[in-house]
Every structure is written in C-alpha cells, then in structure tokens.
Amino acid sequence: MEINFMHSLILVVMASIVTFITRIIPFALFGGGKGIPKKVEYLGDILPAAIIATLVIYCLRNINFETPVNFVPGIVATASVIIMHFWKRNTLISIFLGTAIYMILLRVF
C-alpha cells in the first residue's frame, strides 16, 4: 500500500485533533474554579501504584529460574529500582537506573 502526501497529512491532522481534544477535556470538566470530584482524586491517588504493580507483574511474568542467566538480570534490576525508589523517591531516576542495570546485565550474562 502506497502512502501519499494527502494520506499522511490527514493522519497528522486527525492525530492532532484527537490529542487536542483529550488535553482540553479536563479543563472543560474541572476548570472555572470547580473542585475536583472525590472519585477523581481517589483515582489519581490509587492508579499510579496499581499501574506500576501491573507493569512489574507483566515484566516479571516470564522469568525462567532454571539457570541464573535467565533470572539474575531481571531480579537485580527490579531490586535496584525498589531500593532506589525508597531511597530517592524519584520515579524517573529509579526507572532509568533499573533499565540501565538490566541492559548492562543482559550484555554481561
């Protein structure tokens, strides 16, 4: 299938419109001095931890414990993320460090 200029332009415009709409909805719903509903505040508090837990389970679901080569990089990287997060309380640093350690260990093992 050949993609021409008009097709690409339509895709970019549609993606821009959808992005703009999803960015403006919170301001339309909660702007103008209205308070944020308690349910939305609750979801804002609970969802980040639930999403991270889901991602951890997803990432570690296929670990094979038959040989250390298969599980050491994942376990060490996960432990480093947990330790760094409890120490620095910075999600970006924790994720970056864990990813770097995992990639290095994959190359070493």
Protein backbone atom coordinates (compact mmCIF):
# COMPACT_ATOMS: atom_id res chain seq x y z
CA MET A 1 0.00 0.00 0.00
CA GLU A 2 1.40 3.34 -1.01
CA ILE A 3 1.02 6.27 1.35
CA ASN A 4 0.87 9.61 -0.41
CA PHE A 5 1.19 13.13 0.96
CA MET A 6 -2.56 13.67 1.40
CA HIS A 7 -2.95 10.45 3.37
CA SER A 8 -0.06 11.45 5.65
CA LEU A 9 -1.49 14.93 6.11
CA ILE A 10 -4.90 13.53 7.08
CA LEU A 11 -3.28 11.18 9.60
CA VAL A 12 -1.29 14.01 11.21
CA VAL A 13 -4.31 16.33 11.35
CA MET A 14 -6.55 13.65 12.87
CA ALA A 15 -3.92 12.70 15.45
CA SER A 16 -3.52 16.39 16.33
CA ILE A 17 -7.27 16.87 16.76
CA VAL A 18 -7.63 13.80 18.97
CA THR A 19 -4.63 14.86 21.07
CA PHE A 20 -6.04 18.38 21.46
CA ILE A 21 -9.47 17.06 22.47
CA THR A 22 -8.03 14.71 25.09
CA ARG A 23 -5.92 17.57 26.51
CA ILE A 24 -8.83 20.03 26.69
CA ILE A 25 -11.39 17.69 28.32
CA PRO A 26 -10.02 18.05 31.90
CA PHE A 27 -10.10 21.84 31.61
CA ALA A 28 -13.66 21.75 30.29
CA LEU A 29 -14.81 19.42 33.07
CA PHE A 30 -12.88 20.80 36.04
CA GLY A 31 -11.96 24.35 35.02
CA GLY A 32 -13.59 27.58 36.11
CA GLY A 33 -12.96 27.18 39.82
CA LYS A 34 -14.88 23.92 40.16
CA GLY A 35 -13.42 21.46 42.59
CA ILE A 36 -12.15 18.07 41.52
CA PRO A 37 -14.63 15.33 42.45
CA LYS A 38 -13.57 12.99 45.26
CA LYS A 39 -13.73 9.96 42.94
CA VAL A 40 -11.27 11.55 40.52
CA GLU A 41 -8.92 12.47 43.39
CA TYR A 42 -9.13 8.88 44.65
CA LEU A 43 -8.30 7.52 41.20
CA GLY A 44 -5.38 9.95 40.96
CA ASP A 45 -4.04 8.63 44.24
CA ILE A 46 -4.53 4.90 43.64
CA LEU A 47 -3.99 4.37 39.90
CA PRO A 48 -0.24 5.13 39.65
CA ALA A 49 0.61 2.40 42.16
CA ALA A 50 -1.82 -0.03 40.53
CA ILE A 51 -0.39 0.64 37.08
CA ILE A 52 3.20 0.19 38.29
CA ALA A 53 2.25 -3.07 40.03
CA THR A 54 0.63 -4.30 36.82
CA LEU A 55 3.74 -3.40 34.82
CA VAL A 56 6.02 -5.19 37.29
CA ILE A 57 3.91 -8.34 37.13
CA TYR A 58 3.85 -8.12 33.33
CA CYS A 59 7.63 -7.66 33.11
CA LEU A 60 8.48 -10.46 35.54
CA ARG A 61 5.86 -13.00 34.41
CA ASN A 62 8.17 -14.94 32.09
CA ILE A 63 11.24 -15.23 34.29
CA ASN A 64 12.75 -18.69 33.99
CA PHE A 65 14.52 -19.88 37.16
CA GLU A 66 16.33 -22.82 35.55
CA THR A 67 19.66 -21.01 35.12
CA PRO A 68 20.95 -17.76 36.66
CA VAL A 69 21.43 -16.25 33.21
CA ASN A 70 17.67 -16.24 32.79
CA PHE A 71 16.64 -14.59 36.06
CA VAL A 72 19.55 -12.62 37.56
CA PRO A 73 19.23 -9.53 35.30
CA GLY A 74 15.51 -9.15 35.96
CA ILE A 75 15.71 -9.75 39.70
CA VAL A 76 18.74 -7.45 40.21
CA ALA A 77 17.19 -4.68 38.08
CA THR A 78 13.88 -4.96 39.93
CA ALA A 79 15.63 -4.85 43.30
CA SER A 80 17.67 -1.82 42.22
CA VAL A 81 14.51 0.03 41.19
CA ILE A 82 12.85 -0.72 44.53
CA ILE A 83 15.91 0.32 46.54
CA MET A 84 16.50 3.48 44.52
CA HIS A 85 12.84 4.47 44.73
CA PHE A 86 12.70 4.07 48.52
CA TRP A 87 15.99 5.96 48.82
CA LYS A 88 15.49 8.88 46.41
CA ARG A 89 11.68 8.86 45.93
CA ASN A 90 12.16 9.78 42.27
CA THR A 91 10.36 7.61 39.74
CA LEU A 92 12.39 8.74 36.73
CA ILE A 93 15.74 8.05 38.37
CA SER A 94 14.51 4.65 39.59
CA ILE A 95 13.25 3.60 36.17
CA PHE A 96 16.34 4.91 34.37
CA LEU A 97 18.71 3.17 36.77
CA GLY A 98 16.76 -0.10 36.62
CA THR A 99 16.69 -0.04 32.83
CA ALA A 100 20.42 0.72 32.64
CA ILE A 101 21.30 -2.05 35.09
CA TYR A 102 19.08 -4.51 33.24
CA MET A 103 20.64 -3.70 29.86
CA ILE A 104 24.17 -3.94 31.26
CA LEU A 105 23.43 -7.28 32.95
CA LEU A 106 21.92 -8.66 29.74
CA ARG A 107 25.19 -7.90 27.97
CA VAL A 108 27.34 -9.29 30.80
CA PHE A 109 25.41 -12.55 31.16
